[in-house]
Amino acid sequence: MEIPVISGFIEGLKLFLRSKRLKWLTIVFIIALIAISGLTVIGRIVLDVSPALQGAVIFVTALGGGIWPVFFMLTALVSSLGMQKYVASEESYKKSLLYLIPWIIISSIILIMFILFALPIFLGIIFGVAFFGWIAFQAYLSTRNALKYADMADTQATSRWMKLIVGVSNLFCYFVIIGSLIFTVVFINPELLNFLIPGNALLLGLLVLGALAASGFNFVNGLIMARHRNKTTLDNVALVGLFISLYSAYFIYNAGKPAGTPWDFVGVAISIFFVIYTMSSVGRTLASRENLDTRIKISGETAAGITFFMAIGYYFADLMFPILVDPAAQAFAESISDLVKLLIFPLIALIMELFYLRRIGKVADVKAEEKPVHEPVEEEEKHKPEESEPEKPSDEPETEMEPDSSETEKVSEETPIESEEYSETEEEPDQSEESM
């Protein structure tokens, strides 16, 4: 039995294994992840030993890690122009390795030019496009999956048990969001209440703001569920609320845990899941334009290049935050990505949900308008053969129809009047002759 969610997930990952060229780009992406991780870990160790070397650590880490987002950005650009054969070979990995060396040199030169002469543009590309774009894609794709965005436009009534379960789930979402905030602040990291530590006041304020944003979304979601309580869209709306509450609870926990806390198994599993799931969804979305009959077509290499650029750019920016800020504020810097997700996810989920309900409402209105139009048409079609039967020619001789008695009475009543008028017209000439 095929499960659509799992099959779609696998189909999205197949984009990166379709050919030798795409497999090679995937290998380079994995190498880039390892290189950036190693550089940032070494940089963190150096900063812990000697904070005075922060400037040198930032330069080396930015130069060694920033090459890869630039490389994949160039890959996407060159592939969009139809010259992907100059990026990697379709025949052998050895040729692809020979192509990689000059492209890394070109990427390094462009990166140095960015840092020296156009640093704001480079920061805008990395943090504005890749970092926020990747998070927005995560929020959009997660919400679309929760909504079952597969055109379930049915407006039949739901059972009372389902309404009860949905109401309880809405209350459960409040419990999850507020409970995660209390659990994180009281049990996981009580030092957040010590405002003498730099960054704690701002971090705690953003955690509370994120929890309020998630609770506000849940409140609006409850109002929407109350309005759609007699429709099957109630299930989809409730599922979105549950997903957002669970996501928010994880983001609150991950952003509020103490600085330098090693990744636990749950954190590693969720982080890997987010990266792979978003890669699959973004790759499938971009690759779907490859077969469209439009002027702008995206090849598999272009789709892979854009996906890898956004993924590696997000990863690079996320690991650079603790190095860029003051070492005393590392707890806040390590939490920036989760705080951004905590604020963006509810907003995008609400926008997606409103568009979904508007679309479903339009489909339902069209169906309601079409129903009374078809019924009389069917009745007319049934009566058409009966009305057309007298028009068919027949071999029997025609017989004159005898008029009804009512019609003869009308004729008899009308003829005297006509005769009187006729007699009057005949008498008028006689009178004129007498006068003559």
Protein backbone atom coordinates (compact mmCIF):
# COMPACT_ATOMS: atom_id res chain seq x y z
CA MET A 1 0.00 0.00 0.00
CA GLU A 2 1.44 3.35 -1.05
CA ILE A 3 1.46 6.17 1.50
CA PRO A 4 1.33 9.55 -0.33
CA VAL A 5 3.40 11.46 2.24
CA ILE A 6 6.25 8.93 2.26
CA SER A 7 6.18 8.36 -1.50
CA GLY A 8 6.26 12.11 -2.14
CA PHE A 9 9.17 12.46 0.30
CA ILE A 10 11.14 9.77 -1.53
CA GLU A 11 10.32 11.23 -4.95
CA GLY A 12 11.66 14.60 -3.82
CA LEU A 13 14.99 13.07 -2.76
CA LYS A 14 15.29 11.20 -6.07
CA LEU A 15 15.97 14.56 -7.73
CA PHE A 16 19.45 14.59 -6.21
CA LEU A 17 20.22 11.04 -7.41
CA ARG A 18 18.85 11.25 -10.94
CA SER A 19 22.20 11.42 -12.75
CA LYS A 20 25.95 11.35 -12.11
CA ARG A 21 26.08 15.14 -12.24
CA LEU A 22 23.38 15.49 -9.58
CA LYS A 23 24.98 12.77 -7.46
CA TRP A 24 28.27 14.64 -7.62
CA LEU A 25 26.61 17.90 -6.52
CA THR A 26 25.05 16.00 -3.61
CA ILE A 27 28.48 14.69 -2.60
CA VAL A 28 29.89 18.23 -2.73
CA PHE A 29 26.97 19.40 -0.56
CA ILE A 30 27.79 16.77 2.09
CA ILE A 31 31.48 17.78 1.98
CA ALA A 32 30.43 21.40 2.46
CA LEU A 33 28.34 20.51 5.53
CA ILE A 34 31.29 18.69 7.09
CA ALA A 35 33.73 21.51 6.26
CA ILE A 36 31.51 24.24 7.72
CA SER A 37 30.83 22.18 10.85
CA GLY A 38 34.54 21.54 11.39
CA LEU A 39 35.51 25.18 10.91
CA THR A 40 32.88 26.50 13.29
CA VAL A 41 33.76 23.94 15.98
CA ILE A 42 37.44 24.90 15.74
CA GLY A 43 36.48 28.57 15.85
CA ARG A 44 34.39 28.07 18.98
CA ILE A 45 37.27 26.26 20.69
CA VAL A 46 39.70 29.07 19.80
CA LEU A 47 37.29 31.70 21.13
CA ASP A 48 36.87 29.83 24.41
CA VAL A 49 40.66 29.73 24.85
CA SER A 50 41.45 33.24 23.59
CA PRO A 51 38.51 35.65 23.03
CA ALA A 52 40.98 38.26 21.73
CA LEU A 53 41.32 36.27 18.49
CA GLN A 54 37.66 36.77 17.56
CA GLY A 55 38.48 38.89 14.51
CA ALA A 56 40.82 36.29 13.04
CA VAL A 57 38.37 33.48 13.80
CA ILE A 58 35.55 35.35 12.04
CA PHE A 59 37.70 35.96 8.94
CA VAL A 60 38.94 32.37 8.64
CA THR A 61 35.52 30.83 9.32
CA ALA A 62 33.74 33.21 6.95
CA LEU A 63 36.30 32.60 4.21
CA GLY A 64 36.40 28.81 4.61
CA GLY A 65 32.66 28.36 5.11
CA GLY A 66 31.36 31.11 2.83
CA ILE A 67 32.91 29.52 -0.26
CA TRP A 68 30.22 26.85 -0.41
CA PRO A 69 27.12 29.08 -0.56
CA VAL A 70 28.85 31.10 -3.30
CA PHE A 71 29.74 27.91 -5.18
CA PHE A 72 26.16 26.61 -5.17
CA MET A 73 24.85 30.06 -6.08
CA LEU A 74 27.13 30.03 -9.14
CA THR A 75 26.04 26.45 -9.89
CA ALA A 76 22.39 27.48 -9.94
CA LEU A 77 23.16 30.54 -12.08
CA VAL A 78 25.26 28.66 -14.66
CA SER A 79 22.76 25.78 -14.82
CA SER A 80 19.89 28.20 -15.40
CA LEU A 81 21.76 29.40 -18.51
CA GLY A 82 21.96 25.81 -19.81
CA MET A 83 25.71 25.42 -19.19
CA GLN A 84 25.58 22.82 -16.41
CA LYS A 85 28.03 20.62 -18.32
CA TYR A 86 30.77 23.07 -17.33
CA VAL A 87 30.00 22.61 -13.62
CA ALA A 88 30.13 18.81 -13.42
CA SER A 89 30.48 15.94 -15.87
CA GLU A 90 27.69 13.55 -16.74
CA GLU A 91 30.15 10.78 -17.62
CA SER A 92 32.68 10.41 -14.78
CA TYR A 93 33.32 11.69 -11.27
CA LYS A 94 37.00 12.24 -12.10
CA LYS A 95 36.11 14.94 -14.63
CA SER A 96 33.69 16.46 -12.13
CA LEU A 97 36.54 16.69 -9.60
CA LEU A 98 38.70 18.46 -12.17
CA TYR A 99 35.84 20.90 -12.82
CA LEU A 100 35.39 21.48 -9.07
CA ILE A 101 38.90 22.88 -8.48
CA PRO A 102 38.60 25.97 -10.76
CA TRP A 103 35.06 26.63 -9.54
CA ILE A 104 36.27 26.65 -5.92
CA ILE A 105 38.99 29.13 -6.89
CA ILE A 106 36.44 31.35 -8.67
CA SER A 107 34.10 31.14 -5.66
CA SER A 108 36.94 32.15 -3.33
CA ILE A 109 37.79 35.19 -5.47
CA ILE A 110 34.13 36.28 -5.62
CA LEU A 111 33.78 35.79 -1.85
CA ILE A 112 36.86 37.95 -1.15
CA MET A 113 35.49 40.65 -3.46
CA PHE A 114 32.17 40.52 -1.58
CA ILE A 115 33.88 40.81 1.81
CA LEU A 116 36.15 43.68 0.77
CA PHE A 117 33.84 45.76 -1.41
CA ALA A 118 30.23 44.57 -0.99
CA LEU A 119 29.88 43.07 2.47
CA PRO A 120 26.24 44.26 2.97
CA ILE A 121 25.23 42.53 -0.27
CA PHE A 122 26.90 39.30 0.82
CA LEU A 123 25.23 39.43 4.24
CA GLY A 124 21.90 40.13 2.55
CA ILE A 125 22.31 37.08 0.30
CA ILE A 126 23.32 34.76 3.15
CA PHE A 127 21.05 35.98 5.95
CA GLY A 128 18.21 37.53 3.96
CA VAL A 129 17.78 35.07 1.10
CA ALA A 130 19.25 31.77 2.28
CA PHE A 131 18.59 31.91 6.04
CA PHE A 132 15.12 33.44 6.10
CA GLY A 133 14.17 31.81 2.80
CA TRP A 134 14.98 28.36 4.11
CA ILE A 135 12.96 28.94 7.31
CA ALA A 136 10.04 30.30 5.28
CA PHE A 137 10.16 27.19 3.06
CA GLN A 138 10.13 25.00 6.17
CA ALA A 139 7.09 26.80 7.55
CA TYR A 140 5.25 26.79 4.21
CA LEU A 141 5.88 23.13 3.43
CA SER A 142 5.11 21.96 6.97
CA THR A 143 1.81 23.85 6.96
CA ARG A 144 0.89 22.56 3.50
CA ASN A 145 1.52 19.01 4.62
CA ALA A 146 -0.57 19.51 7.77
CA LEU A 147 -3.44 20.95 5.75
CA LYS A 148 -3.42 17.98 3.38
CA TYR A 149 -3.34 20.48 0.56
CA ALA A 150 -4.72 17.91 -1.85
CA ASP A 151 -8.10 19.49 -2.64
CA MET A 152 -10.30 17.89 0.00
CA ALA A 153 -13.12 20.31 -0.72
CA ASP A 154 -16.06 18.58 0.96
CA THR A 155 -18.65 20.31 3.14
CA GLN A 156 -20.45 17.42 4.79
CA ALA A 157 -21.25 17.65 8.50
CA THR A 158 -18.89 16.11 11.06
CA SER A 159 -19.87 13.96 14.02
CA ARG A 160 -20.24 15.21 17.57
CA TRP A 161 -17.34 13.06 18.71
CA MET A 162 -15.07 14.71 16.18
CA LYS A 163 -16.16 18.16 17.34
CA LEU A 164 -15.39 17.15 20.93
CA ILE A 165 -11.95 15.80 20.00
CA VAL A 166 -11.15 18.96 18.04
CA GLY A 167 -12.18 21.17 20.98
CA VAL A 168 -10.00 19.17 23.36
CA SER A 169 -7.07 19.36 20.92
CA ASN A 170 -7.34 23.15 20.85
CA LEU A 171 -7.04 23.27 24.65
CA PHE A 172 -4.18 20.75 24.47
CA CYS A 173 -2.28 23.12 22.15
CA TYR A 174 -2.36 25.83 24.84
CA PHE A 175 -1.06 23.31 27.37
CA VAL A 176 1.81 22.29 25.07
CA ILE A 177 2.92 25.87 24.31
CA ILE A 178 2.67 27.30 27.83
CA GLY A 179 3.94 24.08 29.40
CA SER A 180 7.06 24.07 27.24
CA LEU A 181 7.84 27.67 28.22
CA ILE A 182 7.43 26.96 31.94
CA PHE A 183 9.38 23.69 31.72
CA THR A 184 12.27 25.35 29.86
CA VAL A 185 12.55 28.38 32.14
CA VAL A 186 12.00 26.60 35.47
CA PHE A 187 13.68 23.21 34.96
CA ILE A 188 15.98 23.34 31.90
CA ASN A 189 17.58 26.78 32.23
CA PRO A 190 16.67 28.66 35.44
CA GLU A 191 19.53 31.09 34.75
CA LEU A 192 17.32 32.80 32.20
CA LEU A 193 15.72 34.61 35.14
CA ASN A 194 19.09 36.13 36.02
CA PHE A 195 19.00 39.35 34.01
CA LEU A 196 22.57 40.22 35.03
CA ILE A 197 23.83 37.75 32.43
CA PRO A 198 24.13 39.51 29.04
CA GLY A 199 21.42 38.54 26.59
CA ASN A 200 19.17 36.74 29.12
CA ALA A 201 16.56 39.49 29.29
CA LEU A 202 16.31 39.70 25.50
CA LEU A 203 16.22 35.92 25.12
CA LEU A 204 13.52 35.47 27.74
CA GLY A 205 11.49 38.30 26.23
CA LEU A 206 11.66 36.73 22.76
CA LEU A 207 10.71 33.32 24.19
CA VAL A 208 7.64 34.85 25.83
CA LEU A 209 6.83 36.76 22.63
CA GLY A 210 7.13 33.56 20.59
CA ALA A 211 4.89 31.69 23.03
CA LEU A 212 2.34 34.50 22.79
CA ALA A 213 2.52 34.39 18.98
CA ALA A 214 1.89 30.63 19.00
CA SER A 215 -0.94 31.03 21.53
CA GLY A 216 -2.43 33.86 19.46
CA PHE A 217 -2.38 31.65 16.39
CA ASN A 218 -4.07 28.90 18.40
CA PHE A 219 -6.77 31.36 19.54
CA VAL A 220 -7.49 32.47 15.96
CA ASN A 221 -7.40 28.83 14.91
CA GLY A 222 -10.03 28.06 17.55
CA LEU A 223 -12.31 30.79 16.17
CA ILE A 224 -11.89 29.37 12.67
CA MET A 225 -12.71 25.87 13.94
CA ALA A 226 -15.86 27.20 15.62
CA ARG A 227 -16.95 28.74 12.34
CA HIS A 228 -16.22 25.56 10.36
CA ARG A 229 -17.53 23.14 12.97
CA ASN A 230 -20.00 21.55 10.54
CA LYS A 231 -17.51 21.00 7.73
CA THR A 232 -14.82 18.42 7.09
CA THR A 233 -12.27 21.24 6.84
CA LEU A 234 -12.49 21.23 10.64
CA ASP A 235 -10.09 18.26 10.75
CA ASN A 236 -7.48 20.01 8.60
CA VAL A 237 -7.63 23.23 10.62
CA ALA A 238 -7.29 21.31 13.89
CA LEU A 239 -4.30 19.40 12.55
CA VAL A 240 -2.53 22.65 11.63
CA GLY A 241 -3.02 23.94 15.17
CA LEU A 242 -1.57 20.74 16.61
CA PHE A 243 1.47 20.87 14.32
CA ILE A 244 2.21 24.53 15.09
CA SER A 245 1.94 23.95 18.84
CA LEU A 246 4.36 21.01 18.70
CA TYR A 247 6.79 22.93 16.49
CA SER A 248 6.62 25.94 18.82
CA ALA A 249 7.19 23.78 21.89
CA TYR A 250 10.35 22.33 20.33
CA PHE A 251 11.60 25.78 19.27
CA ILE A 252 11.02 27.16 22.78
CA TYR A 253 12.92 24.27 24.32
CA ASN A 254 15.78 24.42 21.81
CA ALA A 255 16.16 28.20 22.07
CA GLY A 256 15.94 28.29 25.86
CA LYS A 257 18.36 25.51 26.76
CA PRO A 258 21.73 26.58 28.26
CA ALA A 259 24.56 27.69 25.98
CA GLY A 260 27.04 25.02 25.06
CA THR A 261 24.57 22.22 25.77
CA PRO A 262 25.51 19.21 23.62
CA TRP A 263 22.91 18.08 21.16
CA ASP A 264 20.71 15.35 22.49
CA PHE A 265 19.35 12.57 20.32
CA VAL A 266 15.96 14.27 19.89
CA GLY A 267 17.58 17.55 18.83
CA VAL A 268 19.85 15.83 16.32
CA ALA A 269 16.98 13.76 14.90
CA ILE A 270 14.66 16.76 14.50
CA SER A 271 17.40 18.92 12.95
CA ILE A 272 18.30 16.23 10.41
CA PHE A 273 14.61 15.61 9.69
CA PHE A 274 13.99 19.33 9.01
CA VAL A 275 16.95 19.56 6.62
CA ILE A 276 16.13 16.38 4.67
CA TYR A 277 12.37 17.00 4.62
CA THR A 278 12.79 20.57 3.39
CA MET A 279 15.37 19.49 0.81
CA SER A 280 12.92 16.90 -0.51
CA SER A 281 10.01 19.33 -0.66
CA VAL A 282 11.98 22.22 -2.16
CA GLY A 283 13.60 19.92 -4.70
CA ARG A 284 10.25 18.43 -5.71
CA THR A 285 8.65 21.87 -5.98
CA LEU A 286 11.44 23.28 -8.16
CA ALA A 287 11.82 20.14 -10.27
CA SER A 288 8.08 20.18 -11.05
CA ARG A 289 8.68 23.23 -13.25
CA GLU A 290 11.04 21.25 -15.44
CA ASN A 291 8.19 19.70 -17.45
CA LEU A 292 5.92 22.74 -17.56
CA ASP A 293 5.19 24.31 -20.94
CA THR A 294 6.41 27.77 -19.95
CA ARG A 295 9.15 30.12 -21.05
CA ILE A 296 10.99 29.80 -17.74
CA LYS A 297 11.96 26.17 -17.16
CA ILE A 298 14.11 24.91 -14.29
CA SER A 299 16.46 22.02 -15.01
CA GLY A 300 17.32 19.40 -12.43
CA GLU A 301 20.76 20.95 -11.92
CA THR A 302 19.22 24.39 -11.37
CA ALA A 303 16.73 23.01 -8.86
CA ALA A 304 19.50 21.16 -7.01
CA GLY A 305 21.73 24.25 -7.05
CA ILE A 306 19.02 26.49 -5.56
CA THR A 307 18.15 23.88 -2.93
CA PHE A 308 21.78 23.33 -1.91
CA PHE A 309 22.45 27.09 -1.86
CA MET A 310 19.56 27.78 0.51
CA ALA A 311 20.33 24.76 2.72
CA ILE A 312 24.07 25.41 3.02
CA GLY A 313 23.49 29.17 3.37
CA TYR A 314 21.08 28.58 6.24
CA TYR A 315 23.48 26.16 7.92
CA PHE A 316 26.43 28.54 7.50
CA ALA A 317 24.49 31.50 8.91
CA ASP A 318 23.17 29.46 11.83
CA LEU A 319 26.67 28.38 12.87
CA MET A 320 28.18 31.83 12.31
CA PHE A 321 25.87 33.64 14.76
CA PRO A 322 27.75 32.50 17.94
CA ILE A 323 31.08 33.51 16.39
CA LEU A 324 29.95 36.95 15.24
CA VAL A 325 28.58 38.12 18.61
CA ASP A 326 30.34 38.79 21.88
CA PRO A 327 31.33 35.52 23.63
CA ALA A 328 29.26 36.53 26.68
CA ALA A 329 26.08 36.56 24.53
CA GLN A 330 26.57 33.17 22.91
CA ALA A 331 23.43 31.77 24.53
CA PHE A 332 21.35 34.32 22.65
CA ALA A 333 23.32 33.87 19.41
CA GLU A 334 22.84 30.10 19.42
CA SER A 335 19.09 30.60 19.78
CA ILE A 336 18.57 33.06 16.91
CA SER A 337 17.48 30.49 14.31
CA ASP A 338 14.97 28.86 16.68
CA LEU A 339 13.63 32.25 17.74
CA VAL A 340 13.11 33.25 14.11
CA LYS A 341 11.29 29.97 13.46
CA LEU A 342 9.20 30.50 16.59
CA LEU A 343 7.96 33.83 15.23
CA ILE A 344 7.69 32.96 11.52
CA PHE A 345 5.97 29.56 11.70
CA PRO A 346 2.66 30.78 13.25
CA LEU A 347 2.48 33.75 10.86
CA ILE A 348 2.98 31.70 7.70
CA ALA A 349 0.68 28.96 9.00
CA LEU A 350 -2.11 31.51 9.55
CA ILE A 351 -1.69 32.97 6.05
CA MET A 352 -1.68 29.50 4.50
CA GLU A 353 -4.74 28.46 6.47
CA LEU A 354 -6.74 31.52 5.43
CA PHE A 355 -5.86 30.99 1.76
CA TYR A 356 -6.81 27.32 2.10
CA LEU A 357 -10.22 28.09 3.62
CA ARG A 358 -10.88 30.78 1.03
CA ARG A 359 -10.06 28.35 -1.75
CA ILE A 360 -12.24 25.62 -0.26
CA GLY A 361 -15.10 28.11 0.16
CA LYS A 362 -14.92 29.11 -3.50
CA VAL A 363 -15.06 25.48 -4.59
CA ALA A 364 -18.05 24.85 -2.34
CA ASP A 365 -19.88 27.94 -3.69
CA VAL A 366 -19.31 26.81 -7.28
CA LYS A 367 -20.70 23.37 -6.47
CA ALA A 368 -23.75 24.90 -4.79
CA GLU A 369 -24.45 27.10 -7.83
CA GLU A 370 -24.11 24.23 -10.28
CA LYS A 371 -26.60 21.89 -8.57
CA PRO A 372 -29.91 23.73 -9.39
CA VAL A 373 -28.77 24.41 -12.95
CA HIS A 374 -28.41 20.76 -13.99
CA GLU A 375 -31.75 19.46 -12.63
CA PRO A 376 -34.16 21.38 -14.97
CA VAL A 377 -31.88 20.66 -17.91
CA GLU A 378 -32.24 16.94 -17.29
CA GLU A 379 -36.04 17.30 -17.05
CA GLU A 380 -36.16 19.21 -20.33
CA GLU A 381 -34.12 16.50 -22.00
CA LYS A 382 -36.58 13.90 -20.76
CA HIS A 383 -39.58 15.80 -22.23
CA LYS A 384 -37.92 16.66 -25.53
CA PRO A 385 -38.72 13.34 -27.25
CA GLU A 386 -42.41 13.64 -26.27
CA GLU A 387 -42.67 17.15 -27.73
CA SER A 388 -40.93 16.22 -30.94
CA GLU A 389 -43.16 13.19 -31.67
CA PRO A 390 -46.00 15.20 -33.44
CA GLU A 391 -43.39 16.72 -35.77
CA LYS A 392 -42.33 13.34 -37.15
CA PRO A 393 -43.86 12.54 -40.59
CA SER A 394 -46.25 9.61 -40.70
CA ASP A 395 -47.63 7.48 -43.55
CA GLU A 396 -51.26 7.71 -42.33
CA PRO A 397 -53.54 10.15 -44.18
CA GLU A 398 -54.18 13.39 -42.51
CA THR A 399 -57.64 13.92 -41.06
CA GLU A 400 -59.21 17.21 -40.30
CA MET A 401 -59.62 17.93 -36.66
CA GLU A 402 -63.17 18.66 -35.57
CA PRO A 403 -63.32 21.93 -33.68
CA ASP A 404 -64.29 21.89 -30.05
CA SER A 405 -67.73 23.04 -29.01
CA SER A 406 -66.24 25.95 -27.13
CA GLU A 407 -64.50 27.18 -30.27
CA THR A 408 -67.69 26.90 -32.36
CA GLU A 409 -69.59 28.90 -29.80
CA LYS A 410 -67.00 31.62 -30.00
CA VAL A 411 -67.26 31.68 -33.79
CA SER A 412 -71.05 31.84 -33.64
CA GLU A 413 -70.93 34.69 -31.21
CA GLU A 414 -68.49 36.63 -33.36
CA THR A 415 -70.19 36.17 -36.76
CA PRO A 416 -73.40 38.12 -36.00
CA ILE A 417 -71.37 41.10 -35.02
CA GLU A 418 -69.43 40.91 -38.23
CA SER A 419 -72.70 40.55 -40.27
CA GLU A 420 -74.29 43.53 -38.58
CA GLU A 421 -71.22 45.63 -39.33
CA TYR A 422 -71.35 44.42 -42.92
CA SER A 423 -75.04 45.29 -43.26
CA GLU A 424 -74.42 48.75 -41.90
CA THR A 425 -71.80 49.32 -44.51
CA GLU A 426 -74.18 48.22 -47.21
CA GLU A 427 -76.97 50.54 -46.02
CA GLU A 428 -74.80 53.64 -46.09
CA PRO A 429 -74.61 53.84 -49.91
CA ASP A 430 -78.43 53.48 -50.15
CA GLN A 431 -78.93 56.47 -47.92
CA SER A 432 -76.57 58.48 -50.03
CA GLU A 433 -78.48 57.56 -53.16
CA GLU A 434 -81.77 58.73 -51.63
CA SER A 435 -80.22 62.03 -50.81
CA MET A 436 -79.17 62.33 -54.41
